Amino acid sequence: QVQLVESGGGLVQPGGSLRLSCAASGMIFSSNAMGWYRQAPGKQRELVATITGSGSTYYTDSVKGRFTISRDNGKNTVYLQMNSLKPEDTAVYYCNVRRGSSYRSEYWGQGTQVTVSS
């Protein structure tokens, strides 16, 4: 079965940086577009960034210029480099396969908590 395991979250001060990783297994990684999503308490999960198998990227307006999505197909891993972090970036971050400009609900992992404070 498909497994997606996020890591790299933590507590960081405003203006700081984190790099999130998402390790995929049970799928042909290189042929799939991938996305990073985040969900804060009381809010809907939102799409943060996407990357196609060929490397084309998309970012939501609130993270443009600060976040960079990338992938290493040899390691079956997608990354999210987050710079200039703001308190409003605080959320649980998830990765998922993108199919037809959507996600696969059954593929959600545990996510990784990012807290930007003090």
C-alpha atoms as a PDB file:
ATOM      1  CA  GLN A   1       0.000   0.000   0.000  1.00  0.00           C
ATOM      2  CA  VAL A   2       1.010   3.609  -0.477  1.00  0.00           C
ATOM      3  CA  GLN A   3       2.674   5.215   2.515  1.00  0.00           C
ATOM      4  CA  LEU A   4       3.675   8.844   2.854  1.00  0.00           C
ATOM      5  CA  VAL A   5       5.804   9.811   5.839  1.00  0.00           C
ATOM      6  CA  GLU A   6       6.406  13.474   6.589  1.00  0.00           C
ATOM      7  CA  SER A   7       9.264  14.715   8.750  1.00  0.00           C
ATOM      8  CA  GLY A   8      11.282  17.819   9.515  1.00  0.00           C
ATOM      9  CA  GLY A   9       8.786  19.915  11.424  1.00  0.00           C
ATOM     10  CA  GLY A  10       9.474  21.640  14.698  1.00  0.00           C
ATOM     11  CA  LEU A  11       9.436  24.876  16.616  1.00  0.00           C
ATOM     12  CA  VAL A  12      11.074  27.850  14.948  1.00  0.00           C
ATOM     13  CA  GLN A  13      11.152  31.595  15.548  1.00  0.00           C
ATOM     14  CA  PRO A  14       9.591  34.020  13.075  1.00  0.00           C
ATOM     15  CA  GLY A  15      11.998  34.586  10.216  1.00  0.00           C
ATOM     16  CA  GLY A  16      13.543  31.163  10.638  1.00  0.00           C
ATOM     17  CA  SER A  17      13.715  28.221   8.259  1.00  0.00           C
ATOM     18  CA  LEU A  18      12.760  24.560   8.140  1.00  0.00           C
ATOM     19  CA  ARG A  19      13.015  21.870   5.499  1.00  0.00           C
ATOM     20  CA  LEU A  20      10.250  19.290   5.401  1.00  0.00           C
ATOM     21  CA  SER A  21      10.645  15.876   3.807  1.00  0.00           C
ATOM     22  CA  CYS A  22       8.054  13.424   2.533  1.00  0.00           C
ATOM     23  CA  ALA A  23       9.203   9.877   1.894  1.00  0.00           C
ATOM     24  CA  ALA A  24       6.947   7.819  -0.371  1.00  0.00           C
ATOM     25  CA  SER A  25       6.694   4.065  -0.732  1.00  0.00           C
ATOM     26  CA  GLY A  26       4.350   1.631  -2.435  1.00  0.00           C
ATOM     27  CA  MET A  27       4.009   3.757  -5.562  1.00  0.00           C
ATOM     28  CA  ILE A  28       5.849   4.708  -8.718  1.00  0.00           C
ATOM     29  CA  PHE A  29       7.042   8.014  -7.366  1.00  0.00           C
ATOM     30  CA  SER A  30       8.678   9.555 -10.417  1.00  0.00           C
ATOM     31  CA  SER A  31       5.503   9.510 -12.523  1.00  0.00           C
ATOM     32  CA  ASN A  32       3.321  11.284  -9.955  1.00  0.00           C
ATOM     33  CA  ALA A  33       2.769  14.923  -9.236  1.00  0.00           C
ATOM     34  CA  MET A  34       3.050  15.687  -5.528  1.00  0.00           C
ATOM     35  CA  GLY A  35       1.689  18.388  -3.289  1.00  0.00           C
ATOM     36  CA  TRP A  36       2.267  19.860   0.133  1.00  0.00           C
ATOM     37  CA  TYR A  37      -0.796  20.790   2.173  1.00  0.00           C
ATOM     38  CA  ARG A  38      -1.254  22.320   5.601  1.00  0.00           C
ATOM     39  CA  GLN A  39      -4.021  22.505   8.156  1.00  0.00           C
ATOM     40  CA  ALA A  40      -4.240  24.779  11.165  1.00  0.00           C
ATOM     41  CA  PRO A  41      -6.719  24.136  14.006  1.00  0.00           C
ATOM     42  CA  GLY A  42     -10.182  25.314  13.066  1.00  0.00           C
ATOM     43  CA  LYS A  43      -9.278  25.815   9.422  1.00  0.00           C
ATOM     44  CA  GLN A  44      -9.643  23.757   6.271  1.00  0.00           C
ATOM     45  CA  ARG A  45      -6.667  21.989   4.814  1.00  0.00           C
ATOM     46  CA  GLU A  46      -5.113  24.156   2.121  1.00  0.00           C
ATOM     47  CA  LEU A  47      -2.806  23.460  -0.773  1.00  0.00           C
ATOM     48  CA  VAL A  48       0.624  25.039  -0.291  1.00  0.00           C
ATOM     49  CA  ALA A  49       2.702  23.918  -3.263  1.00  0.00           C
ATOM     50  CA  THR A  50       2.811  21.314  -6.017  1.00  0.00           C
ATOM     51  CA  ILE A  51       5.438  19.782  -8.237  1.00  0.00           C
ATOM     52  CA  THR A  52       4.913  17.631 -11.302  1.00  0.00           C
ATOM     53  CA  GLY A  53       6.998  14.644 -12.265  1.00  0.00           C
ATOM     54  CA  SER A  54       8.889  16.874 -14.693  1.00  0.00           C
ATOM     55  CA  GLY A  55       9.550  19.590 -12.119  1.00  0.00           C
ATOM     56  CA  SER A  56       6.905  22.211 -12.858  1.00  0.00           C
ATOM     57  CA  THR A  57       5.915  23.988  -9.634  1.00  0.00           C
ATOM     58  CA  TYR A  58       3.009  25.941  -8.196  1.00  0.00           C
ATOM     59  CA  TYR A  59       2.766  27.961  -4.978  1.00  0.00           C
ATOM     60  CA  THR A  60      -0.149  29.523  -3.197  1.00  0.00           C
ATOM     61  CA  ASP A  61       0.159  33.301  -2.968  1.00  0.00           C
ATOM     62  CA  SER A  62       0.869  33.397   0.761  1.00  0.00           C
ATOM     63  CA  VAL A  63       4.122  31.419   0.430  1.00  0.00           C
ATOM     64  CA  LYS A  64       5.472  32.669  -2.898  1.00  0.00           C
ATOM     65  CA  GLY A  65       9.057  33.826  -2.575  1.00  0.00           C
ATOM     66  CA  ARG A  66       9.472  32.073   0.778  1.00  0.00           C
ATOM     67  CA  PHE A  67       8.861  28.360   0.134  1.00  0.00           C
ATOM     68  CA  THR A  68      10.453  26.063  -2.436  1.00  0.00           C
ATOM     69  CA  ILE A  69       9.169  22.617  -3.359  1.00  0.00           C
ATOM     70  CA  SER A  70      11.551  20.091  -4.876  1.00  0.00           C
ATOM     71  CA  ARG A  71      11.863  16.359  -5.373  1.00  0.00           C
ATOM     72  CA  ASP A  72      14.501  13.655  -5.559  1.00  0.00           C
ATOM     73  CA  ASN A  73      13.065  10.806  -7.598  1.00  0.00           C
ATOM     74  CA  GLY A  74      16.020   8.579  -6.762  1.00  0.00           C
ATOM     75  CA  LYS A  75      15.103   8.844  -3.078  1.00  0.00           C
ATOM     76  CA  ASN A  76      11.317   8.852  -3.607  1.00  0.00           C
ATOM     77  CA  THR A  77      11.206  12.047  -1.591  1.00  0.00           C
ATOM     78  CA  VAL A  78       9.624  15.466  -1.984  1.00  0.00           C
ATOM     79  CA  TYR A  79      10.867  18.445   0.015  1.00  0.00           C
ATOM     80  CA  LEU A  80       9.506  21.771   1.136  1.00  0.00           C
ATOM     81  CA  GLN A  81      12.116  24.373   2.019  1.00  0.00           C
ATOM     82  CA  MET A  82      10.449  27.040   4.144  1.00  0.00           C
ATOM     83  CA  ASN A  83      12.230  30.348   4.698  1.00  0.00           C
ATOM     84  CA  SER A  84      11.172  33.591   6.354  1.00  0.00           C
ATOM     85  CA  LEU A  85       8.596  31.731   8.383  1.00  0.00           C
ATOM     86  CA  LYS A  86       5.668  33.612   9.865  1.00  0.00           C
ATOM     87  CA  PRO A  87       3.352  32.727  12.771  1.00  0.00           C
ATOM     88  CA  GLU A  88       0.528  32.207  10.279  1.00  0.00           C
ATOM     89  CA  ASP A  89       2.537  29.350   8.754  1.00  0.00           C
ATOM     90  CA  THR A  90       1.875  27.348  11.929  1.00  0.00           C
ATOM     91  CA  ALA A  91       0.044  24.160  10.944  1.00  0.00           C
ATOM     92  CA  VAL A  92       0.366  20.446  10.442  1.00  0.00           C
ATOM     93  CA  TYR A  93       1.962  19.894   7.043  1.00  0.00           C
ATOM     94  CA  TYR A  94       1.076  16.918   4.860  1.00  0.00           C
ATOM     95  CA  CYS A  95       2.158  15.637   1.487  1.00  0.00           C
ATOM     96  CA  ASN A  96       0.010  13.728  -0.962  1.00  0.00           C
ATOM     97  CA  VAL A  97      -0.145  12.460  -4.492  1.00  0.00           C
ATOM     98  CA  ARG A  98      -1.914  14.787  -6.879  1.00  0.00           C
ATOM     99  CA  ARG A  99      -4.299  13.191  -9.352  1.00  0.00           C
ATOM    100  CA  GLY A 100      -6.533  15.288 -11.539  1.00  0.00           C
ATOM    101  CA  SER A 101      -5.651  18.439  -9.580  1.00  0.00           C
ATOM    102  CA  SER A 102      -6.844  16.801  -6.378  1.00  0.00           C
ATOM    103  CA  TYR A 103      -5.553  14.488  -3.667  1.00  0.00           C
ATOM    104  CA  ARG A 104      -6.051  10.895  -2.580  1.00  0.00           C
ATOM    105  CA  SER A 105      -7.794  10.966   0.776  1.00  0.00           C
ATOM    106  CA  GLU A 106      -6.709   7.437   1.632  1.00  0.00           C
ATOM    107  CA  TYR A 107      -3.025   8.421   1.306  1.00  0.00           C
ATOM    108  CA  TRP A 108      -2.857  11.016   4.086  1.00  0.00           C
ATOM    109  CA  GLY A 109      -0.101  10.324   6.583  1.00  0.00           C
ATOM    110  CA  GLN A 110       0.387  11.680  10.075  1.00  0.00           C
ATOM    111  CA  GLY A 111       1.835  14.982   8.923  1.00  0.00           C
ATOM    112  CA  THR A 112       4.521  16.999  10.651  1.00  0.00           C
ATOM    113  CA  GLN A 113       3.860  19.903  12.992  1.00  0.00           C
ATOM    114  CA  VAL A 114       5.368  23.293  12.196  1.00  0.00           C
ATOM    115  CA  THR A 115       5.110  25.911  14.923  1.00  0.00           C
ATOM    116  CA  VAL A 116       6.363  29.454  14.342  1.00  0.00           C
ATOM    117  CA  SER A 117       6.412  31.385  17.597  1.00  0.00           C
ATOM    118  CA  SER A 118       8.286  33.955  19.693  1.00  0.00           C
END
